[in-house]
N, C-alpha and C. Protein backbone atom coordinates (compact mmCIF):
# COMPACT_ATOMS: atom_id res chain seq x y z
N MET A 1 0.85 -1.18 0.00
CA MET A 1 0.00 0.00 0.00
C MET A 1 0.88 1.23 0.00
N LYS A 2 0.63 2.11 -0.90
CA LYS A 2 1.42 3.33 -1.03
C LYS A 2 0.64 4.49 -0.43
N MET A 3 1.32 5.26 0.42
CA MET A 3 0.70 6.45 1.01
C MET A 3 1.48 7.68 0.57
N THR A 4 0.76 8.72 0.26
CA THR A 4 1.39 9.98 -0.12
C THR A 4 0.83 11.07 0.77
N ASN A 5 1.72 11.83 1.38
CA ASN A 5 1.31 12.98 2.18
C ASN A 5 1.74 14.24 1.46
N VAL A 6 0.83 15.15 1.29
CA VAL A 6 1.12 16.39 0.60
C VAL A 6 1.19 17.52 1.62
N ILE A 7 2.25 18.29 1.56
CA ILE A 7 2.38 19.46 2.43
C ILE A 7 1.94 20.67 1.62
N ASN A 8 0.82 21.25 2.01
CA ASN A 8 0.29 22.39 1.27
C ASN A 8 0.89 23.71 1.74
N ALA A 9 1.17 23.83 3.00
CA ALA A 9 1.71 25.09 3.53
C ALA A 9 2.48 24.80 4.81
N ILE A 10 3.56 25.52 4.97
CA ILE A 10 4.34 25.41 6.18
C ILE A 10 4.44 26.81 6.77
N GLU A 11 4.02 26.96 8.00
CA GLU A 11 4.10 28.25 8.68
C GLU A 11 5.47 28.41 9.29
N SER A 12 6.07 29.57 9.14
CA SER A 12 7.38 29.83 9.71
C SER A 12 7.34 31.15 10.48
N PRO A 13 8.03 31.22 11.61
CA PRO A 13 8.03 32.45 12.38
C PRO A 13 8.95 33.53 11.78
N PHE A 14 9.71 33.18 10.72
CA PHE A 14 10.62 34.16 10.10
C PHE A 14 10.85 33.82 8.64
N ASP A 15 11.29 34.82 7.86
CA ASP A 15 11.67 34.60 6.48
C ASP A 15 13.06 33.98 6.46
N GLY A 16 13.32 33.13 5.50
CA GLY A 16 14.63 32.49 5.47
C GLY A 16 14.92 31.78 4.17
N ILE A 17 16.05 31.10 4.17
CA ILE A 17 16.53 30.37 3.00
C ILE A 17 16.80 28.94 3.45
N VAL A 18 16.35 27.98 2.66
CA VAL A 18 16.63 26.58 2.98
C VAL A 18 18.12 26.36 2.78
N SER A 19 18.81 25.95 3.85
CA SER A 19 20.26 25.77 3.79
C SER A 19 20.66 24.31 3.69
N ALA A 20 19.76 23.38 4.01
CA ALA A 20 20.09 21.96 3.92
C ALA A 20 18.81 21.13 3.86
N PHE A 21 18.88 20.04 3.11
CA PHE A 21 17.82 19.04 3.08
C PHE A 21 18.37 17.77 3.70
N PHE A 22 17.56 17.06 4.47
CA PHE A 22 18.00 15.85 5.13
C PHE A 22 17.29 14.61 4.59
N PHE A 23 17.01 14.61 3.29
CA PHE A 23 16.38 13.47 2.63
C PHE A 23 16.75 13.52 1.16
N GLU A 24 16.58 12.40 0.50
CA GLU A 24 16.83 12.28 -0.94
C GLU A 24 15.49 12.16 -1.66
N ALA A 25 15.46 12.52 -2.93
CA ALA A 25 14.24 12.38 -3.73
C ALA A 25 13.80 10.92 -3.72
N GLY A 26 12.53 10.70 -3.44
CA GLY A 26 11.97 9.36 -3.42
C GLY A 26 12.14 8.60 -2.12
N GLU A 27 12.88 9.17 -1.17
CA GLU A 27 13.11 8.51 0.12
C GLU A 27 11.85 8.54 0.97
N LEU A 28 11.59 7.45 1.67
CA LEU A 28 10.47 7.41 2.61
C LEU A 28 10.91 8.08 3.90
N VAL A 29 10.07 8.93 4.43
CA VAL A 29 10.39 9.62 5.68
C VAL A 29 9.31 9.34 6.72
N SER A 30 9.69 9.43 7.98
CA SER A 30 8.77 9.17 9.08
C SER A 30 8.18 10.47 9.60
N ASP A 31 7.02 10.36 10.23
CA ASP A 31 6.36 11.50 10.85
C ASP A 31 7.29 12.07 11.92
N GLY A 32 7.44 13.38 11.94
CA GLY A 32 8.26 14.06 12.93
C GLY A 32 9.73 14.16 12.56
N MET A 33 10.13 13.59 11.44
CA MET A 33 11.53 13.60 11.00
C MET A 33 11.91 15.00 10.51
N LEU A 34 13.13 15.44 10.86
CA LEU A 34 13.64 16.72 10.40
C LEU A 34 13.95 16.59 8.91
N LEU A 35 13.30 17.41 8.08
CA LEU A 35 13.46 17.30 6.64
C LEU A 35 14.36 18.38 6.04
N ALA A 36 14.34 19.57 6.63
CA ALA A 36 15.11 20.67 6.07
C ALA A 36 15.54 21.63 7.17
N GLU A 37 16.61 22.37 6.88
CA GLU A 37 17.10 23.40 7.79
C GLU A 37 16.91 24.74 7.11
N VAL A 38 16.34 25.68 7.83
CA VAL A 38 16.10 27.02 7.28
C VAL A 38 16.93 28.02 8.05
N GLU A 39 17.71 28.81 7.31
CA GLU A 39 18.55 29.85 7.90
C GLU A 39 17.80 31.17 7.79
N ALA A 40 17.74 31.92 8.87
CA ALA A 40 17.05 33.21 8.85
C ALA A 40 17.61 34.09 7.75
N ALA A 41 16.76 34.86 7.08
CA ALA A 41 17.17 35.68 5.95
C ALA A 41 18.29 36.65 6.34
N VAL A 42 18.27 37.21 7.54
CA VAL A 42 19.30 38.14 7.99
C VAL A 42 20.64 37.43 8.10
N GLU A 43 20.65 36.24 8.71
CA GLU A 43 21.88 35.46 8.84
C GLU A 43 22.43 35.07 7.48
N ALA A 44 21.55 34.69 6.56
CA ALA A 44 21.97 34.29 5.23
C ALA A 44 22.60 35.46 4.48
N ALA A 45 22.02 36.64 4.62
CA ALA A 45 22.57 37.82 3.97
C ALA A 45 23.94 38.17 4.54
N GLU A 46 24.10 38.05 5.85
CA GLU A 46 25.40 38.33 6.48
C GLU A 46 26.45 37.33 6.02
N ALA A 47 26.09 36.06 5.92
CA ALA A 47 27.03 35.03 5.48
C ALA A 47 27.43 35.27 4.03
N GLU A 48 26.49 35.64 3.19
CA GLU A 48 26.79 35.92 1.78
C GLU A 48 27.69 37.14 1.66
N SER A 49 27.43 38.17 2.48
CA SER A 49 28.24 39.38 2.47
C SER A 49 29.69 39.06 2.89
N ALA A 50 29.85 38.23 3.91
CA ALA A 50 31.18 37.85 4.38
C ALA A 50 31.92 37.05 3.30
N LYS A 51 31.21 36.17 2.62
CA LYS A 51 31.81 35.38 1.55
C LYS A 51 32.28 36.29 0.42
N THR A 52 31.47 37.28 0.06
CA THR A 52 31.81 38.22 -1.01
C THR A 52 33.04 39.04 -0.63
N GLU A 53 33.13 39.47 0.63
CA GLU A 53 34.27 40.26 1.09
C GLU A 53 35.56 39.44 1.06
N GLU A 54 35.48 38.14 1.35
CA GLU A 54 36.67 37.27 1.34
C GLU A 54 37.23 37.12 -0.07
N THR A 55 36.36 37.08 -1.07
CA THR A 55 36.83 36.89 -2.45
C THR A 55 37.27 38.19 -3.10
N ALA A 56 36.96 39.32 -2.49
CA ALA A 56 37.32 40.62 -3.08
C ALA A 56 38.74 41.01 -2.76
């Protein structure tokens, strides 16, 4: 028996950027499993700015 769960919306307390996924395409996941890591938009902008300054 195949079950499919669709996530229609995810509420987040802040804007951000997905920085990591903890699953592969087609992988079966369990309820409550951590699927992704979201970095706050401010932190992501600071990290990108620091990376740009290092290469300049």
